Amino acid sequence: MAARRLLDGLYLWSGYLAAFFLVAISLTIVAQIIGRFFGVAIDSTESAGFSLAASTFLGLAYTFRHDGHIRVTLLIRLAKGPLAKLTELWSVGFCAAAMGYLTYWACDLVYFSYIFGDISPGLLAIPFWIPRSAMALGSLILTIALIDEFIGILRGQTPSYIANSTALFKGEDD
């Protein structure tokens, strides 16, 4: 149970970080608007873009666990019994493998950005490895969430994205 609390905490804090970067976007844009009134040039394009990428990737695992991702369930809904479980396992396993692949290359990109001293071309001149780290970290956390989900389905648990889902329409069962 300690592992469950640790993983749920990881997903929750990843969601908090995503929310933090959403607030950072709005603050940089507001700073740019206020700066115009006082004749101060503030370029929020770069920092808002980096914050958007961080918010997107860091929010993936939390959103996945709380049924916020769009799922095409046409085949899964038709499957019953063991076939339904196999279909869920295949889809989550495939996604885990794809995210693992993306995570590997995201980490590779961060590593080589650091090694080569890649710097953003804007006014802030931020080393690229810093914003790219958020992409790699968010991808890693989603990969962990997918593996966690795969193991849960193997154990016969209801997937979190089903357990945490809410019906959009009255009378909708699943």
C-alpha atoms as a PDB file:
ATOM      1  CA  MET A   1       0.000   0.000   0.000  1.00  0.00           C
ATOM      2  CA  ALA A   2       2.959   2.339   0.504  1.00  0.00           C
ATOM      3  CA  ALA A   3       3.817   1.914  -3.172  1.00  0.00           C
ATOM      4  CA  ARG A   4       0.251   2.833  -4.122  1.00  0.00           C
ATOM      5  CA  ARG A   5       0.384   6.017  -2.028  1.00  0.00           C
ATOM      6  CA  LEU A   6       3.788   6.870  -3.483  1.00  0.00           C
ATOM      7  CA  LEU A   7       2.582   6.442  -7.077  1.00  0.00           C
ATOM      8  CA  ASP A   8      -0.665   8.333  -6.470  1.00  0.00           C
ATOM      9  CA  GLY A   9       1.371  11.109  -4.864  1.00  0.00           C
ATOM     10  CA  LEU A  10       3.675  11.185  -7.887  1.00  0.00           C
ATOM     11  CA  TYR A  11       0.715  11.566 -10.251  1.00  0.00           C
ATOM     12  CA  LEU A  12      -0.886  14.220  -8.032  1.00  0.00           C
ATOM     13  CA  TRP A  13       2.300  16.298  -7.737  1.00  0.00           C
ATOM     14  CA  SER A  14       2.822  16.012 -11.459  1.00  0.00           C
ATOM     15  CA  GLY A  15      -0.664  17.482 -11.858  1.00  0.00           C
ATOM     16  CA  TYR A  16       0.207  20.274  -9.414  1.00  0.00           C
ATOM     17  CA  LEU A  17       3.330  21.085 -11.419  1.00  0.00           C
ATOM     18  CA  ALA A  18       1.241  21.190 -14.592  1.00  0.00           C
ATOM     19  CA  ALA A  19      -1.134  23.641 -12.898  1.00  0.00           C
ATOM     20  CA  PHE A  20       1.838  25.722 -11.729  1.00  0.00           C
ATOM     21  CA  PHE A  21       3.053  26.065 -15.304  1.00  0.00           C
ATOM     22  CA  LEU A  22      -0.428  27.055 -16.467  1.00  0.00           C
ATOM     23  CA  VAL A  23      -0.340  29.871 -13.909  1.00  0.00           C
ATOM     24  CA  ALA A  24       3.180  30.753 -15.107  1.00  0.00           C
ATOM     25  CA  ILE A  25       1.816  31.191 -18.637  1.00  0.00           C
ATOM     26  CA  SER A  26      -0.814  33.633 -17.477  1.00  0.00           C
ATOM     27  CA  LEU A  27       1.649  35.536 -15.258  1.00  0.00           C
ATOM     28  CA  THR A  28       4.168  36.006 -18.077  1.00  0.00           C
ATOM     29  CA  ILE A  29       1.458  37.231 -20.423  1.00  0.00           C
ATOM     30  CA  VAL A  30       0.067  39.619 -17.786  1.00  0.00           C
ATOM     31  CA  ALA A  31       3.632  40.866 -17.142  1.00  0.00           C
ATOM     32  CA  GLN A  32       4.034  41.543 -20.852  1.00  0.00           C
ATOM     33  CA  ILE A  33       0.746  43.478 -20.970  1.00  0.00           C
ATOM     34  CA  ILE A  34       1.607  45.545 -17.889  1.00  0.00           C
ATOM     35  CA  GLY A  35       5.126  46.122 -19.219  1.00  0.00           C
ATOM     36  CA  ARG A  36       3.687  47.742 -22.334  1.00  0.00           C
ATOM     37  CA  PHE A  37       1.961  50.391 -20.205  1.00  0.00           C
ATOM     38  CA  PHE A  38       5.284  51.349 -18.643  1.00  0.00           C
ATOM     39  CA  GLY A  39       7.390  51.088 -21.796  1.00  0.00           C
ATOM     40  CA  VAL A  40       9.213  47.958 -20.634  1.00  0.00           C
ATOM     41  CA  ALA A  41       9.809  45.293 -23.268  1.00  0.00           C
ATOM     42  CA  ILE A  42       8.941  41.866 -21.873  1.00  0.00           C
ATOM     43  CA  ASP A  43       8.823  38.982 -24.308  1.00  0.00           C
ATOM     44  CA  SER A  44       6.570  36.252 -22.951  1.00  0.00           C
ATOM     45  CA  THR A  45       6.578  34.159 -26.104  1.00  0.00           C
ATOM     46  CA  GLU A  46       9.468  31.944 -25.124  1.00  0.00           C
ATOM     47  CA  SER A  47       8.641  31.487 -21.442  1.00  0.00           C
ATOM     48  CA  ALA A  48       4.956  30.915 -22.209  1.00  0.00           C
ATOM     49  CA  GLY A  49       5.884  28.319 -24.824  1.00  0.00           C
ATOM     50  CA  PHE A  50       8.215  26.504 -22.450  1.00  0.00           C
ATOM     51  CA  SER A  51       5.563  26.628 -19.722  1.00  0.00           C
ATOM     52  CA  LEU A  52       2.968  25.262 -22.135  1.00  0.00           C
ATOM     53  CA  ALA A  53       5.173  22.285 -22.981  1.00  0.00           C
ATOM     54  CA  ALA A  54       5.885  21.661 -19.287  1.00  0.00           C
ATOM     55  CA  SER A  55       2.209  21.910 -18.374  1.00  0.00           C
ATOM     56  CA  THR A  56       1.187  19.584 -21.173  1.00  0.00           C
ATOM     57  CA  PHE A  57       3.674  16.823 -20.446  1.00  0.00           C
ATOM     58  CA  LEU A  58       3.565  17.046 -16.651  1.00  0.00           C
ATOM     59  CA  GLY A  59      -0.231  16.861 -16.708  1.00  0.00           C
ATOM     60  CA  LEU A  60      -0.418  13.680 -18.801  1.00  0.00           C
ATOM     61  CA  ALA A  61      -0.233  11.081 -16.004  1.00  0.00           C
ATOM     62  CA  TYR A  62      -2.668  12.858 -13.703  1.00  0.00           C
ATOM     63  CA  THR A  63      -5.111  13.345 -16.555  1.00  0.00           C
ATOM     64  CA  PHE A  64      -4.776   9.706 -17.631  1.00  0.00           C
ATOM     65  CA  ARG A  65      -5.508   8.421 -14.120  1.00  0.00           C
ATOM     66  CA  HIS A  66      -8.602  10.629 -13.852  1.00  0.00           C
ATOM     67  CA  ASP A  67     -10.165   9.766 -17.218  1.00  0.00           C
ATOM     68  CA  GLY A  68      -9.323  13.075 -18.830  1.00  0.00           C
ATOM     69  CA  HIS A  69      -7.865  11.604 -22.013  1.00  0.00           C
ATOM     70  CA  ILE A  70     -10.048  10.845 -24.979  1.00  0.00           C
ATOM     71  CA  ARG A  71     -10.500   7.106 -25.355  1.00  0.00           C
ATOM     72  CA  VAL A  72     -12.004   5.320 -28.329  1.00  0.00           C
ATOM     73  CA  THR A  73     -13.856   2.449 -26.684  1.00  0.00           C
ATOM     74  CA  LEU A  74     -15.785   1.015 -29.608  1.00  0.00           C
ATOM     75  CA  LEU A  75     -13.970  -2.343 -29.613  1.00  0.00           C
ATOM     76  CA  ILE A  76     -13.515  -2.526 -25.844  1.00  0.00           C
ATOM     77  CA  ARG A  77     -17.246  -2.004 -25.275  1.00  0.00           C
ATOM     78  CA  LEU A  78     -18.060  -4.878 -27.621  1.00  0.00           C
ATOM     79  CA  ALA A  79     -15.648  -7.249 -25.888  1.00  0.00           C
ATOM     80  CA  LYS A  80     -16.908  -9.206 -22.880  1.00  0.00           C
ATOM     81  CA  GLY A  81     -15.205 -11.313 -20.219  1.00  0.00           C
ATOM     82  CA  PRO A  82     -11.592 -12.360 -20.772  1.00  0.00           C
ATOM     83  CA  LEU A  83     -11.533 -10.749 -24.222  1.00  0.00           C
ATOM     84  CA  ALA A  84     -12.326  -7.373 -22.641  1.00  0.00           C
ATOM     85  CA  LYS A  85      -9.427  -7.782 -20.221  1.00  0.00           C
ATOM     86  CA  LEU A  86      -7.073  -8.777 -23.037  1.00  0.00           C
ATOM     87  CA  THR A  87      -8.186  -5.776 -25.074  1.00  0.00           C
ATOM     88  CA  GLU A  88      -7.536  -3.430 -22.134  1.00  0.00           C
ATOM     89  CA  LEU A  89      -4.157  -5.068 -21.516  1.00  0.00           C
ATOM     90  CA  TRP A  90      -3.185  -4.749 -25.158  1.00  0.00           C
ATOM     91  CA  SER A  91      -4.186  -1.076 -25.422  1.00  0.00           C
ATOM     92  CA  VAL A  92      -2.513  -0.047 -22.151  1.00  0.00           C
ATOM     93  CA  GLY A  93       0.558  -2.198 -22.910  1.00  0.00           C
ATOM     94  CA  PHE A  94       0.904  -0.726 -26.387  1.00  0.00           C
ATOM     95  CA  CYS A  95       0.620   2.799 -24.977  1.00  0.00           C
ATOM     96  CA  ALA A  96       3.210   1.984 -22.290  1.00  0.00           C
ATOM     97  CA  ALA A  97       5.625   0.719 -24.938  1.00  0.00           C
ATOM     98  CA  ALA A  98       5.059   3.781 -27.134  1.00  0.00           C
ATOM     99  CA  MET A  99       5.520   6.148 -24.194  1.00  0.00           C
ATOM    100  CA  GLY A 100       8.628   4.252 -23.124  1.00  0.00           C
ATOM    101  CA  TYR A 101      10.049   4.819 -26.593  1.00  0.00           C
ATOM    102  CA  LEU A 102       9.136   8.519 -26.483  1.00  0.00           C
ATOM    103  CA  THR A 103      10.609   8.826 -22.979  1.00  0.00           C
ATOM    104  CA  TYR A 104      13.892   7.305 -24.112  1.00  0.00           C
ATOM    105  CA  TRP A 105      14.241   9.797 -26.947  1.00  0.00           C
ATOM    106  CA  ALA A 106      13.055  12.726 -24.818  1.00  0.00           C
ATOM    107  CA  CYS A 107      15.777  11.897 -22.278  1.00  0.00           C
ATOM    108  CA  ASP A 108      18.274  11.555 -25.123  1.00  0.00           C
ATOM    109  CA  LEU A 109      17.265  15.012 -26.378  1.00  0.00           C
ATOM    110  CA  VAL A 110      17.742  16.508 -22.909  1.00  0.00           C
ATOM    111  CA  TYR A 111      21.128  14.839 -22.544  1.00  0.00           C
ATOM    112  CA  PHE A 112      22.466  16.064 -25.871  1.00  0.00           C
ATOM    113  CA  SER A 113      20.990  19.536 -25.344  1.00  0.00           C
ATOM    114  CA  TYR A 114      23.013  19.673 -22.144  1.00  0.00           C
ATOM    115  CA  ILE A 115      26.193  18.218 -23.678  1.00  0.00           C
ATOM    116  CA  PHE A 116      26.148  20.569 -26.670  1.00  0.00           C
ATOM    117  CA  GLY A 117      25.092  23.618 -24.623  1.00  0.00           C
ATOM    118  CA  ASP A 118      22.010  24.257 -26.754  1.00  0.00           C
ATOM    119  CA  ILE A 119      20.586  27.724 -25.971  1.00  0.00           C
ATOM    120  CA  SER A 120      17.174  29.099 -26.969  1.00  0.00           C
ATOM    121  CA  PRO A 121      17.405  31.883 -29.571  1.00  0.00           C
ATOM    122  CA  GLY A 122      15.080  34.338 -27.805  1.00  0.00           C
ATOM    123  CA  LEU A 123      15.724  37.229 -25.447  1.00  0.00           C
ATOM    124  CA  LEU A 124      16.013  34.987 -22.395  1.00  0.00           C
ATOM    125  CA  ALA A 125      18.665  32.629 -23.831  1.00  0.00           C
ATOM    126  CA  ILE A 126      17.611  29.672 -21.677  1.00  0.00           C
ATOM    127  CA  PRO A 127      19.608  26.440 -21.965  1.00  0.00           C
ATOM    128  CA  PHE A 128      17.276  24.105 -23.884  1.00  0.00           C
ATOM    129  CA  TRP A 129      17.877  21.177 -21.544  1.00  0.00           C
ATOM    130  CA  ILE A 130      15.890  22.950 -18.799  1.00  0.00           C
ATOM    131  CA  PRO A 131      12.489  23.181 -20.562  1.00  0.00           C
ATOM    132  CA  ARG A 132      13.080  19.876 -22.337  1.00  0.00           C
ATOM    133  CA  SER A 133      13.557  18.213 -18.950  1.00  0.00           C
ATOM    134  CA  ALA A 134       9.889  18.836 -18.199  1.00  0.00           C
ATOM    135  CA  MET A 135       8.954  16.972 -21.373  1.00  0.00           C
ATOM    136  CA  ALA A 136      11.186  14.043 -20.452  1.00  0.00           C
ATOM    137  CA  LEU A 137       9.946  13.981 -16.853  1.00  0.00           C
ATOM    138  CA  GLY A 138       6.289  14.161 -17.871  1.00  0.00           C
ATOM    139  CA  SER A 139       6.801  11.362 -20.399  1.00  0.00           C
ATOM    140  CA  LEU A 140       8.520   9.243 -17.765  1.00  0.00           C
ATOM    141  CA  ILE A 141       5.720   9.767 -15.247  1.00  0.00           C
ATOM    142  CA  LEU A 142       3.088   8.827 -17.847  1.00  0.00           C
ATOM    143  CA  THR A 143       5.100   5.713 -18.736  1.00  0.00           C
ATOM    144  CA  ILE A 144       5.153   4.784 -15.051  1.00  0.00           C
ATOM    145  CA  ALA A 145       1.385   5.387 -14.834  1.00  0.00           C
ATOM    146  CA  LEU A 146       0.768   3.163 -17.858  1.00  0.00           C
ATOM    147  CA  ILE A 147       2.921   0.358 -16.458  1.00  0.00           C
ATOM    148  CA  ASP A 148       1.144   0.777 -13.113  1.00  0.00           C
ATOM    149  CA  GLU A 149      -2.196   0.513 -14.902  1.00  0.00           C
ATOM    150  CA  PHE A 150      -1.079  -2.535 -16.876  1.00  0.00           C
ATOM    151  CA  ILE A 151      -0.073  -4.339 -13.674  1.00  0.00           C
ATOM    152  CA  GLY A 152      -3.377  -3.356 -12.048  1.00  0.00           C
ATOM    153  CA  ILE A 153      -5.383  -4.756 -14.964  1.00  0.00           C
ATOM    154  CA  LEU A 154      -3.314  -7.952 -14.842  1.00  0.00           C
ATOM    155  CA  ARG A 155      -4.247  -8.277 -11.155  1.00  0.00           C
ATOM    156  CA  GLY A 156      -7.927  -7.943 -12.027  1.00  0.00           C
ATOM    157  CA  GLN A 157      -8.426  -4.383 -10.765  1.00  0.00           C
ATOM    158  CA  THR A 158     -10.740  -1.956 -12.491  1.00  0.00           C
ATOM    159  CA  PRO A 159      -8.609   0.479 -14.527  1.00  0.00           C
ATOM    160  CA  SER A 160      -8.299   3.870 -12.816  1.00  0.00           C
ATOM    161  CA  TYR A 161      -9.562   5.685 -15.901  1.00  0.00           C
ATOM    162  CA  ILE A 162     -12.786   3.675 -15.632  1.00  0.00           C
ATOM    163  CA  ALA A 163     -13.046   3.845 -11.830  1.00  0.00           C
ATOM    164  CA  ASN A 164     -12.531   7.633 -11.890  1.00  0.00           C
ATOM    165  CA  SER A 165     -14.740   8.346 -14.880  1.00  0.00           C
ATOM    166  CA  THR A 166     -17.941  10.312 -14.658  1.00  0.00           C
ATOM    167  CA  ALA A 167     -20.961   9.890 -16.888  1.00  0.00           C
ATOM    168  CA  LEU A 168     -21.421  12.816 -19.251  1.00  0.00           C
ATOM    169  CA  PHE A 169     -25.098  12.171 -19.776  1.00  0.00           C
ATOM    170  CA  LYS A 170     -27.769  11.116 -17.300  1.00  0.00           C
ATOM    171  CA  GLY A 171     -28.441   7.421 -17.462  1.00  0.00           C
ATOM    172  CA  GLU A 172     -25.077   6.581 -18.995  1.00  0.00           C
ATOM    173  CA  ASP A 173     -23.725   3.450 -17.335  1.00  0.00           C
ATOM    174  CA  ASP A 174     -20.131   3.314 -18.555  1.00  0.00           C
END
